[in-house]
Amino acid sequence: MTSSLAWPSANTSTTPASSIPKADARQGQADAMGASLDIVISSDMGKGGAMVNGQPALDEGMGAQVWAVMADGAVESAGVIGQEPHDDVWMPLPGGTASVLVTEEVAVGAAQPTGAVLANVTL
């Protein structure tokens, strides 16, 4: 799927919208009980990530675990958002990420998502 933008040229006419391709970046946003995630993934670059701000309001000893979900359903942990305040913390994600799942897990993290779903973003 290709989207385009029209940009003004020096002669004040516009370039046709179909002539400027949009990058392959896929984006999404999520709120996980007070922790906000701004997500971007690039298949061309083979990587992406989530910028985390805030902190999840969870029971003591619990965290918000971020999962990269691939098109085939495989999951990979990107890490756990603890209950301390976060300010522009970057969590790397693989370029093949099709969606991002955030679940409530023990603060040390889980091997697979088993807790309550706090957010689910399709990219």
Protein backbone atom coordinates (compact mmCIF):
# COMPACT_ATOMS: atom_id res chain seq x y z
CA MET A 1 0.00 0.00 0.00
CA THR A 2 1.51 3.34 -1.04
CA SER A 3 0.31 6.74 0.12
CA SER A 4 1.51 10.03 -1.27
CA LEU A 5 1.79 13.67 -0.33
CA ALA A 6 1.71 16.76 -2.53
CA TRP A 7 4.49 19.31 -1.95
CA PRO A 8 4.59 22.84 -3.31
CA SER A 9 7.36 23.44 -5.84
CA ALA A 10 9.39 26.60 -6.36
CA ASN A 11 7.10 27.74 -9.21
CA THR A 12 4.04 27.63 -6.85
CA SER A 13 2.40 24.73 -8.69
CA THR A 14 2.07 21.44 -6.87
CA THR A 15 3.66 18.09 -7.57
CA PRO A 16 1.03 15.41 -8.25
CA ALA A 17 0.25 13.46 -5.10
CA SER A 18 0.98 10.16 -6.85
CA SER A 19 4.62 11.06 -7.49
CA ILE A 20 5.87 11.16 -3.87
CA PRO A 21 5.76 7.75 -2.12
CA LYS A 22 5.28 7.54 1.63
CA ALA A 23 7.90 5.64 3.66
CA ASP A 24 7.12 2.10 4.83
CA ALA A 25 6.81 3.18 8.47
CA ARG A 26 3.89 1.70 10.40
CA GLN A 27 2.80 3.59 13.49
CA GLY A 28 0.49 3.20 16.45
CA GLN A 29 -0.16 4.45 19.95
CA ALA A 30 -1.28 2.75 23.13
CA ASP A 31 -2.08 3.54 26.73
CA ALA A 32 -1.30 0.77 29.20
CA MET A 33 -2.81 1.80 32.54
CA GLY A 34 -0.99 5.16 32.49
CA ALA A 35 2.11 4.27 30.48
CA SER A 36 1.85 5.67 26.95
CA LEU A 37 3.62 4.06 24.00
CA ASP A 38 4.32 5.72 20.64
CA ILE A 39 5.24 2.88 18.27
CA VAL A 40 6.96 2.94 14.88
CA ILE A 41 8.17 -0.02 12.78
CA SER A 42 10.07 -0.05 9.47
CA SER A 43 10.21 -3.30 7.50
CA ASP A 44 12.76 -1.74 5.12
CA MET A 45 15.08 -0.88 8.02
CA GLY A 46 14.32 -4.16 9.80
CA LYS A 47 13.67 -2.47 13.13
CA GLY A 48 11.47 -0.18 15.13
CA GLY A 49 10.54 0.60 18.68
CA ALA A 50 8.21 2.11 21.21
CA MET A 51 8.85 5.40 23.01
CA VAL A 52 7.49 4.98 26.55
CA ASN A 53 6.32 7.78 28.83
CA GLY A 54 4.54 7.68 32.17
CA GLN A 55 4.10 4.71 34.44
CA PRO A 56 1.54 1.93 34.67
CA ALA A 57 -0.81 1.95 37.67
CA LEU A 58 -0.57 -1.72 38.62
CA ASP A 59 -0.41 -3.75 41.83
CA GLU A 60 2.94 -3.89 43.64
CA GLY A 61 5.35 -6.34 42.04
CA MET A 62 3.65 -6.15 38.64
CA GLY A 63 4.73 -4.55 35.37
CA ALA A 64 3.42 -3.91 31.87
CA GLN A 65 5.27 -6.32 29.57
CA VAL A 66 5.54 -5.27 25.92
CA TRP A 67 5.38 -8.01 23.26
CA ALA A 68 6.22 -7.84 19.56
CA VAL A 69 3.73 -10.09 17.76
CA MET A 70 4.81 -11.31 14.31
CA ALA A 71 2.49 -12.05 11.37
CA ASP A 72 2.79 -15.79 12.07
CA GLY A 73 1.70 -15.32 15.71
CA ALA A 74 5.16 -15.72 17.25
CA VAL A 75 5.81 -13.36 20.18
CA GLU A 76 9.00 -11.76 21.44
CA SER A 77 9.33 -9.74 24.64
CA ALA A 78 10.57 -6.18 24.22
CA GLY A 79 10.82 -5.71 27.98
CA VAL A 80 8.79 -4.76 31.02
CA ILE A 81 7.61 -1.25 31.87
CA GLY A 82 8.11 -0.94 35.62
CA GLN A 83 6.10 1.25 37.96
CA GLU A 84 8.71 4.00 38.14
CA PRO A 85 8.10 7.14 36.00
CA HIS A 86 9.38 6.92 32.41
CA ASP A 87 10.39 9.86 30.25
CA ASP A 88 11.18 9.06 26.59
CA VAL A 89 12.43 5.51 27.23
CA TRP A 90 13.06 3.64 23.95
CA MET A 91 12.11 -0.06 23.69
CA PRO A 92 13.50 -1.65 20.47
CA LEU A 93 11.15 -3.84 18.41
CA PRO A 94 11.96 -6.07 15.40
CA GLY A 95 11.05 -4.90 11.89
CA GLY A 96 8.71 -7.85 11.40
CA THR A 97 6.40 -6.72 14.21
CA ALA A 98 2.78 -6.87 13.02
CA SER A 99 1.22 -5.82 16.32
CA VAL A 100 2.24 -4.83 19.82
CA LEU A 101 0.63 -6.46 22.84
CA VAL A 102 1.01 -5.16 26.41
CA THR A 103 0.09 -7.50 29.26
CA GLU A 104 0.21 -7.29 33.04
CA GLU A 105 2.95 -9.64 34.22
CA VAL A 106 5.23 -10.02 37.23
CA ALA A 107 7.81 -7.22 37.27
CA VAL A 108 10.66 -9.61 36.37
CA GLY A 109 8.82 -10.53 33.17
CA ALA A 110 7.24 -13.67 31.77
CA ALA A 111 8.39 -16.08 29.05
CA GLN A 112 5.03 -15.79 27.25
CA PRO A 113 2.08 -13.40 27.61
CA THR A 114 -0.28 -14.82 30.26
CA GLY A 115 -1.62 -11.80 32.16
CA ALA A 116 -4.45 -9.37 31.53
CA VAL A 117 -4.22 -7.51 28.21
CA LEU A 118 -3.58 -3.80 28.85
CA ALA A 119 -3.24 -2.78 25.18
CA ASN A 120 -3.16 -4.35 21.73
CA VAL A 121 -2.11 -2.28 18.71
CA THR A 122 -2.19 -3.58 15.13
CA LEU A 123 0.43 -1.89 12.97
